[in-house]
PDB file of N, CA and C in Angstrom:
ATOM      1  N   MET A   1      20.091   5.626   5.658  1.00  0.00           N
ATOM      2  CA  MET A   1      18.930   5.568   6.524  1.00  0.00           C
ATOM      3  C   MET A   1      18.028   4.422   6.060  1.00  0.00           C
ATOM      4  N   THR A   2      17.602   3.591   6.980  1.00  0.00           N
ATOM      5  CA  THR A   2      16.688   2.493   6.691  1.00  0.00           C
ATOM      6  C   THR A   2      15.286   2.895   7.113  1.00  0.00           C
ATOM      7  N   ARG A   3      14.346   2.716   6.200  1.00  0.00           N
ATOM      8  CA  ARG A   3      12.951   3.021   6.530  1.00  0.00           C
ATOM      9  C   ARG A   3      12.228   1.732   6.876  1.00  0.00           C
ATOM     10  N   THR A   4      11.375   1.808   7.863  1.00  0.00           N
ATOM     11  CA  THR A   4      10.544   0.664   8.223  1.00  0.00           C
ATOM     12  C   THR A   4       9.102   1.005   7.915  1.00  0.00           C
ATOM     13  N   GLY A   5       8.271  -0.006   7.836  1.00  0.00           N
ATOM     14  CA  GLY A   5       6.870   0.261   7.556  1.00  0.00           C
ATOM     15  C   GLY A   5       6.061  -1.007   7.416  1.00  0.00           C
ATOM     16  N   LEU A   6       4.854  -0.823   6.956  1.00  0.00           N
ATOM     17  CA  LEU A   6       3.900  -1.911   6.786  1.00  0.00           C
ATOM     18  C   LEU A   6       3.647  -2.157   5.311  1.00  0.00           C
ATOM     19  N   PHE A   7       3.434  -3.408   4.946  1.00  0.00           N
ATOM     20  CA  PHE A   7       2.990  -3.770   3.604  1.00  0.00           C
ATOM     21  C   PHE A   7       1.596  -4.355   3.702  1.00  0.00           C
ATOM     22  N   ARG A   8       0.785  -4.102   2.683  1.00  0.00           N
ATOM     23  CA  ARG A   8      -0.583  -4.629   2.666  1.00  0.00           C
ATOM     24  C   ARG A   8      -1.019  -4.854   1.225  1.00  0.00           C
ATOM     25  N   TYR A   9      -1.727  -5.970   0.987  1.00  0.00           N
ATOM     26  CA  TYR A   9      -2.345  -6.215  -0.316  1.00  0.00           C
ATOM     27  C   TYR A   9      -3.651  -5.424  -0.379  1.00  0.00           C
ATOM     28  N   VAL A  10      -3.864  -4.682  -1.469  1.00  0.00           N
ATOM     29  CA  VAL A  10      -5.026  -3.797  -1.571  1.00  0.00           C
ATOM     30  C   VAL A  10      -5.711  -3.990  -2.920  1.00  0.00           C
ATOM     31  N   ARG A  11      -7.033  -4.093  -2.909  1.00  0.00           N
ATOM     32  CA  ARG A  11      -7.818  -4.199  -4.143  1.00  0.00           C
ATOM     33  C   ARG A  11      -7.842  -2.859  -4.864  1.00  0.00           C
ATOM     34  N   HIS A  12      -7.990  -2.914  -6.199  1.00  0.00           N
ATOM     35  CA  HIS A  12      -8.006  -1.691  -7.006  1.00  0.00           C
ATOM     36  C   HIS A  12      -9.031  -0.683  -6.491  1.00  0.00           C
ATOM     37  N   ALA A  13     -10.186  -1.136  -6.075  1.00  0.00           N
ATOM     38  CA  ALA A  13     -11.255  -0.229  -5.639  1.00  0.00           C
ATOM     39  C   ALA A  13     -10.867   0.584  -4.397  1.00  0.00           C
ATOM     40  N   LYS A  14      -9.904   0.113  -3.614  1.00  0.00           N
ATOM     41  CA  LYS A  14      -9.538   0.800  -2.371  1.00  0.00           C
ATOM     42  C   LYS A  14      -8.202   1.539  -2.448  1.00  0.00           C
ATOM     43  N   VAL A  15      -7.523   1.478  -3.581  1.00  0.00           N
ATOM     44  CA  VAL A  15      -6.199   2.090  -3.711  1.00  0.00           C
ATOM     45  C   VAL A  15      -6.241   3.592  -3.442  1.00  0.00           C
ATOM     46  N   ASP A  16      -7.188   4.308  -4.004  1.00  0.00           N
ATOM     47  CA  ASP A  16      -7.260   5.766  -3.808  1.00  0.00           C
ATOM     48  C   ASP A  16      -7.422   6.129  -2.335  1.00  0.00           C
ATOM     49  N   ALA A  17      -8.250   5.398  -1.622  1.00  0.00           N
ATOM     50  CA  ALA A  17      -8.461   5.679  -0.197  1.00  0.00           C
ATOM     51  C   ALA A  17      -7.172   5.463   0.594  1.00  0.00           C
ATOM     52  N   TYR A  18      -6.428   4.433   0.270  1.00  0.00           N
ATOM     53  CA  TYR A  18      -5.157   4.187   0.952  1.00  0.00           C
ATOM     54  C   TYR A  18      -4.140   5.273   0.618  1.00  0.00           C
ATOM     55  N   MET A  19      -4.097   5.707  -0.629  1.00  0.00           N
ATOM     56  CA  MET A  19      -3.149   6.746  -1.030  1.00  0.00           C
ATOM     57  C   MET A  19      -3.439   8.070  -0.308  1.00  0.00           C
ATOM     58  N   ARG A  20      -4.709   8.377  -0.088  1.00  0.00           N
ATOM     59  CA  ARG A  20      -5.060   9.594   0.649  1.00  0.00           C
ATOM     60  C   ARG A  20      -4.579   9.537   2.103  1.00  0.00           C
ATOM     61  N   ARG A  21      -4.392   8.331   2.633  1.00  0.00           N
ATOM     62  CA  ARG A  21      -3.905   8.176   4.014  1.00  0.00           C
ATOM     63  C   ARG A  21      -2.393   7.985   4.085  1.00  0.00           C
ATOM     64  N   GLY A  22      -1.698   8.214   2.964  1.00  0.00           N
ATOM     65  CA  GLY A  22      -0.243   8.193   2.992  1.00  0.00           C
ATOM     66  C   GLY A  22       0.416   6.902   2.539  1.00  0.00           C
ATOM     67  N   TRP A  23      -0.368   5.926   2.056  1.00  0.00           N
ATOM     68  CA  TRP A  23       0.202   4.678   1.568  1.00  0.00           C
ATOM     69  C   TRP A  23       0.712   4.880   0.147  1.00  0.00           C
ATOM     70  N   MET A  24       1.745   4.121  -0.243  1.00  0.00           N
ATOM     71  CA  MET A  24       2.305   4.176  -1.593  1.00  0.00           C
ATOM     72  C   MET A  24       2.259   2.788  -2.226  1.00  0.00           C
ATOM     73  N   ILE A  25       2.101   2.751  -3.545  1.00  0.00           N
ATOM     74  CA  ILE A  25       2.112   1.479  -4.266  1.00  0.00           C
ATOM     75  C   ILE A  25       3.549   0.997  -4.369  1.00  0.00           C
ATOM     76  N   ALA A  26       3.794  -0.228  -3.895  1.00  0.00           N
ATOM     77  CA  ALA A  26       5.132  -0.819  -3.938  1.00  0.00           C
ATOM     78  C   ALA A  26       5.273  -1.763  -5.119  1.00  0.00           C
ATOM     79  N   ALA A  27       4.178  -2.434  -5.514  1.00  0.00           N
ATOM     80  CA  ALA A  27       4.244  -3.381  -6.623  1.00  0.00           C
ATOM     81  C   ALA A  27       2.851  -3.608  -7.200  1.00  0.00           C
ATOM     82  N   ASP A  28       2.787  -3.738  -8.513  1.00  0.00           N
ATOM     83  CA  ASP A  28       1.536  -4.088  -9.192  1.00  0.00           C
ATOM     84  C   ASP A  28       1.507  -5.603  -9.325  1.00  0.00           C
ATOM     85  N   LEU A  29       0.522  -6.245  -8.711  1.00  0.00           N
ATOM     86  CA  LEU A  29       0.454  -7.701  -8.716  1.00  0.00           C
ATOM     87  C   LEU A  29      -0.262  -8.253  -9.941  1.00  0.00           C
ATOM     88  N   GLY A  30      -0.911  -7.380 -10.694  1.00  0.00           N
ATOM     89  CA  GLY A  30      -1.557  -7.800 -11.928  1.00  0.00           C
ATOM     90  C   GLY A  30      -2.847  -8.575 -11.722  1.00  0.00           C
ATOM     91  N   PRO A  31      -3.553  -8.840 -12.832  1.00  0.00           N
ATOM     92  CA  PRO A  31      -4.859  -9.491 -12.760  1.00  0.00           C
ATOM     93  C   PRO A  31      -4.793 -10.987 -12.441  1.00  0.00           C
ATOM     94  N   THR A  32      -3.638 -11.596 -12.502  1.00  0.00           N
ATOM     95  CA  THR A  32      -3.556 -13.034 -12.255  1.00  0.00           C
ATOM     96  C   THR A  32      -3.458 -13.385 -10.784  1.00  0.00           C
ATOM     97  N   HIS A  33      -3.488 -12.396  -9.914  1.00  0.00           N
ATOM     98  CA  HIS A  33      -3.312 -12.641  -8.480  1.00  0.00           C
ATOM     99  C   HIS A  33      -4.654 -12.645  -7.733  1.00  0.00           C
ATOM    100  N   GLY A  34      -5.700 -13.033  -8.384  1.00  0.00           N
ATOM    101  CA  GLY A  34      -7.006 -13.135  -7.731  1.00  0.00           C
ATOM    102  C   GLY A  34      -7.607 -11.788  -7.396  1.00  0.00           C
ATOM    103  N   THR A  35      -8.175 -11.662  -6.199  1.00  0.00           N
ATOM    104  CA  THR A  35      -8.880 -10.446  -5.815  1.00  0.00           C
ATOM    105  C   THR A  35      -7.958  -9.301  -5.429  1.00  0.00           C
ATOM    106  N   TRP A  36      -6.683  -9.568  -5.185  1.00  0.00           N
ATOM    107  CA  TRP A  36      -5.760  -8.501  -4.807  1.00  0.00           C
ATOM    108  C   TRP A  36      -5.164  -7.868  -6.049  1.00  0.00           C
ATOM    109  N   SER A  37      -4.840  -6.603  -5.981  1.00  0.00           N
ATOM    110  CA  SER A  37      -4.339  -5.934  -7.173  1.00  0.00           C
ATOM    111  C   SER A  37      -2.970  -5.299  -7.008  1.00  0.00           C
ATOM    112  N   VAL A  38      -2.684  -4.706  -5.857  1.00  0.00           N
ATOM    113  CA  VAL A  38      -1.393  -4.063  -5.660  1.00  0.00           C
ATOM    114  C   VAL A  38      -0.872  -4.354  -4.251  1.00  0.00           C
ATOM    115  N   LEU A  39       0.428  -4.226  -4.103  1.00  0.00           N
ATOM    116  CA  LEU A  39       1.054  -4.287  -2.793  1.00  0.00           C
ATOM    117  C   LEU A  39       1.365  -2.848  -2.410  1.00  0.00           C
ATOM    118  N   MET A  40       0.880  -2.431  -1.236  1.00  0.00           N
ATOM    119  CA  MET A  40       1.091  -1.046  -0.817  1.00  0.00           C
ATOM    120  C   MET A  40       1.951  -1.019   0.440  1.00  0.00           C
ATOM    121  N   TRP A  41       2.688   0.105   0.595  1.00  0.00           N
ATOM    122  CA  TRP A  41       3.607   0.292   1.713  1.00  0.00           C
ATOM    123  C   TRP A  41       3.284   1.591   2.431  1.00  0.00           C
ATOM    124  N   HIS A  42       3.429   1.566   3.745  1.00  0.00           N
ATOM    125  CA  HIS A  42       3.194   2.756   4.558  1.00  0.00           C
ATOM    126  C   HIS A  42       4.344   2.911   5.537  1.00  0.00           C
ATOM    127  N   CYS A  43       4.930   4.075   5.588  1.00  0.00           N
ATOM    128  CA  CYS A  43       6.040   4.372   6.491  1.00  0.00           C
ATOM    129  C   CYS A  43       5.575   4.305   7.944  1.00  0.00           C
ATOM    130  N   SER A  44       6.390   3.710   8.784  1.00  0.00           N
ATOM    131  CA  SER A  44       6.065   3.702  10.218  1.00  0.00           C
ATOM    132  C   SER A  44       6.857   4.787  10.939  1.00  0.00           C
ATOM    133  N   CYS A  45       7.098   5.888  10.234  1.00  0.00           N
ATOM    134  CA  CYS A  45       7.904   6.982  10.777  1.00  0.00           C
ATOM    135  C   CYS A  45       7.132   7.877  11.738  1.00  0.00           C
ATOM    136  N   GLY A  46       5.823   7.697  11.847  1.00  0.00           N
ATOM    137  CA  GLY A  46       5.037   8.479  12.785  1.00  0.00           C
ATOM    138  C   GLY A  46       4.466   9.771  12.241  1.00  0.00           C
ATOM    139  N   GLN A  47       4.771  10.121  10.994  1.00  0.00           N
ATOM    140  CA  GLN A  47       4.267  11.372  10.428  1.00  0.00           C
ATOM    141  C   GLN A  47       2.819  11.281   9.992  1.00  0.00           C
ATOM    142  N   VAL A  48       2.370  10.086   9.605  1.00  0.00           N
ATOM    143  CA  VAL A  48       0.984   9.879   9.223  1.00  0.00           C
ATOM    144  C   VAL A  48       0.482   8.592   9.865  1.00  0.00           C
ATOM    145  N   THR A  49      -0.812   8.477  10.053  1.00  0.00           N
ATOM    146  CA  THR A  49      -1.402   7.311  10.682  1.00  0.00           C
ATOM    147  C   THR A  49      -1.930   6.352   9.615  1.00  0.00           C
ATOM    148  N   PRO A  50      -1.541   5.058   9.713  1.00  0.00           N
ATOM    149  CA  PRO A  50      -2.033   4.091   8.707  1.00  0.00           C
ATOM    150  C   PRO A  50      -3.517   3.843   8.812  1.00  0.00           C
TER     151      PRO A  50
END
């Protein structure tokens, strides 16, 4: 089964809010990537709204 979804760069301060809406951390971009901190993924399966 192939899953589709959205990716978004998210600042550390907003990670918890995204996780409460069903987003998952896909990659830690670290402190050298400027204002962005993590890459987050959200399933487009229709079970939750991004």
